[in-house]
Amino acid sequence: MKVVSALVLLTAGSAFAFLPPAGRMIPNTRAVARVPTTLFAAADGDGGVSEKVRSIIQKNSGDDPEVAEYLKNNSDDKAEFSELGFDSLDLAEFSMALQSEFELADMSEEDLAKFKTVQDVVSYISSSKA
């Protein structure tokens, strides 16, 4: 019993070594405020959704310069995923990135199959957020 009590005191004492001295608080630097994306509305009328989708496409392509050039030349959101070299795995990763960025519910395979162009994705996100 004495050994157990000594171990408890020893463990508790060592845990207090990591606390700041009394009266000194350490600010919580990990607190992150959620800012609605609508605050950053772009002039294109879709709240910047198109630009964010294009950015996610670029990241998913590994910053491929050919993809960047294609997106630049197809700035009207008619860029087709098949022409960007996206396969089913790329679309699955892309959908996870979209869900994270736009706080969307899980997308079904039917929803993914509908995505042929950037505009399809922008329309889906806009209707999901409405």
Protein backbone atom coordinates (compact mmCIF):
# COMPACT_ATOMS: atom_id res chain seq x y z
CA MET A 1 0.00 0.00 0.00
CA LYS A 2 2.81 2.41 0.84
CA VAL A 3 4.49 1.60 -2.47
CA VAL A 4 1.31 2.36 -4.40
CA SER A 5 0.82 5.65 -2.52
CA ALA A 6 4.42 6.62 -3.21
CA LEU A 7 4.01 5.87 -6.92
CA VAL A 8 0.82 7.94 -7.09
CA LEU A 9 2.52 10.90 -5.40
CA LEU A 10 5.59 10.54 -7.59
CA THR A 11 3.49 10.42 -10.77
CA ALA A 12 1.29 13.34 -9.72
CA GLY A 13 4.33 15.39 -8.74
CA SER A 14 6.01 14.87 -12.10
CA ALA A 15 2.81 15.90 -13.91
CA PHE A 16 2.83 19.26 -12.12
CA ALA A 17 6.32 19.96 -13.47
CA PHE A 18 4.76 20.67 -16.86
CA LEU A 19 2.36 23.32 -15.57
CA PRO A 20 3.28 27.03 -15.61
CA PRO A 21 3.94 28.77 -12.30
CA ALA A 22 0.85 29.93 -10.44
CA GLY A 23 -0.55 33.17 -11.78
CA ARG A 24 1.07 32.84 -15.20
CA MET A 25 -1.20 31.71 -17.97
CA ILE A 26 -0.07 30.40 -21.33
CA PRO A 27 -2.30 31.69 -24.13
CA ASN A 28 -4.01 29.08 -26.25
CA THR A 29 -2.36 29.58 -29.63
CA ARG A 30 -4.26 26.72 -31.23
CA ALA A 31 -7.70 28.32 -31.17
CA VAL A 32 -8.86 28.83 -34.73
CA ALA A 33 -11.90 30.87 -35.63
CA ARG A 34 -14.08 29.56 -38.44
CA VAL A 35 -14.67 32.32 -40.97
CA PRO A 36 -17.52 31.85 -43.43
CA THR A 37 -16.19 31.64 -46.98
CA THR A 38 -18.92 34.02 -48.15
CA LEU A 39 -16.98 36.89 -46.60
CA PHE A 40 -14.46 36.52 -49.41
CA ALA A 41 -16.95 36.82 -52.27
CA ALA A 42 -15.29 37.28 -55.60
CA ALA A 43 -16.44 39.56 -58.35
CA ASP A 44 -17.45 36.58 -60.49
CA GLY A 45 -20.72 36.19 -58.58
CA ASP A 46 -20.15 32.67 -57.27
CA GLY A 47 -18.53 33.74 -54.00
CA GLY A 48 -15.08 32.66 -55.16
CA VAL A 49 -16.15 29.03 -55.45
CA SER A 50 -14.79 28.69 -58.98
CA GLU A 51 -11.36 30.00 -58.00
CA LYS A 52 -11.19 27.67 -54.97
CA VAL A 53 -12.25 24.68 -57.07
CA ARG A 54 -9.57 25.53 -59.62
CA SER A 55 -7.00 25.78 -56.84
CA ILE A 56 -7.99 22.35 -55.51
CA ILE A 57 -7.75 20.90 -59.03
CA GLN A 58 -4.28 22.38 -59.39
CA LYS A 59 -3.16 20.91 -56.03
CA ASN A 60 -4.65 17.50 -56.86
CA SER A 61 -2.74 17.44 -60.13
CA GLY A 62 0.55 17.86 -58.28
CA ASP A 63 0.87 21.41 -59.63
CA ASP A 64 1.24 20.01 -63.15
CA PRO A 65 2.10 22.91 -65.50
CA GLU A 66 -0.03 21.40 -68.29
CA VAL A 67 -3.07 21.41 -66.00
CA ALA A 68 -2.35 25.01 -64.99
CA GLU A 69 -2.13 25.99 -68.66
CA TYR A 70 -5.37 24.16 -69.49
CA LEU A 71 -7.23 25.84 -66.61
CA LYS A 72 -5.87 29.21 -67.71
CA ASN A 73 -7.02 28.66 -71.30
CA ASN A 74 -10.46 27.44 -70.14
CA SER A 75 -11.27 30.18 -67.67
CA ASP A 76 -14.99 29.89 -68.41
CA ASP A 77 -15.24 26.75 -66.21
CA LYS A 78 -15.69 24.50 -69.22
CA ALA A 79 -12.50 22.61 -68.29
CA GLU A 80 -13.30 18.90 -68.47
CA PHE A 81 -11.82 16.51 -65.93
CA SER A 82 -11.17 13.88 -68.59
CA GLU A 83 -8.97 16.37 -70.46
CA LEU A 84 -7.13 17.13 -67.21
CA GLY A 85 -6.21 13.46 -66.91
CA PHE A 86 -8.41 12.76 -63.88
CA ASP A 87 -9.30 9.12 -63.28
CA SER A 88 -11.74 7.69 -60.72
CA LEU A 89 -9.12 7.75 -57.93
CA ASP A 90 -8.27 11.38 -58.71
CA LEU A 91 -11.97 12.27 -58.58
CA ALA A 92 -12.34 10.51 -55.21
CA GLU A 93 -9.39 12.47 -53.78
CA PHE A 94 -10.77 15.63 -55.36
CA SER A 95 -14.18 15.05 -53.73
CA MET A 96 -12.54 14.63 -50.31
CA ALA A 97 -10.69 17.92 -50.79
CA LEU A 98 -13.95 19.62 -51.81
CA GLN A 99 -15.77 18.22 -48.78
CA SER A 100 -13.04 19.53 -46.51
CA GLU A 101 -12.76 22.98 -48.13
CA PHE A 102 -16.49 23.66 -48.48
CA GLU A 103 -17.73 21.64 -45.46
CA LEU A 104 -19.93 19.44 -47.66
CA ALA A 105 -21.65 16.22 -46.67
CA ASP A 106 -20.28 13.01 -48.15
CA MET A 107 -20.78 12.87 -51.89
CA SER A 108 -22.31 9.82 -53.48
CA GLU A 109 -20.84 8.04 -56.48
CA GLU A 110 -23.76 9.41 -58.50
CA ASP A 111 -22.77 12.96 -57.57
CA LEU A 112 -19.16 12.29 -58.56
CA ALA A 113 -20.24 10.80 -61.88
CA LYS A 114 -22.07 14.05 -62.70
CA PHE A 115 -18.86 16.07 -62.46
CA LYS A 116 -17.65 16.49 -66.04
CA THR A 117 -16.52 20.13 -65.88
CA VAL A 118 -15.42 22.69 -63.31
CA GLN A 119 -18.82 24.38 -63.77
CA ASP A 120 -20.57 21.14 -62.73
CA VAL A 121 -18.65 21.21 -59.45
CA VAL A 122 -19.27 24.93 -58.89
CA SER A 123 -23.02 24.44 -59.50
CA TYR A 124 -23.11 21.46 -57.11
CA ILE A 125 -21.35 23.41 -54.35
CA SER A 126 -23.54 26.49 -54.85
CA SER A 127 -26.72 24.41 -54.64
CA SER A 128 -25.42 22.55 -51.57
CA LYS A 129 -24.69 25.82 -49.78
CA ALA A 130 -28.05 27.41 -50.65
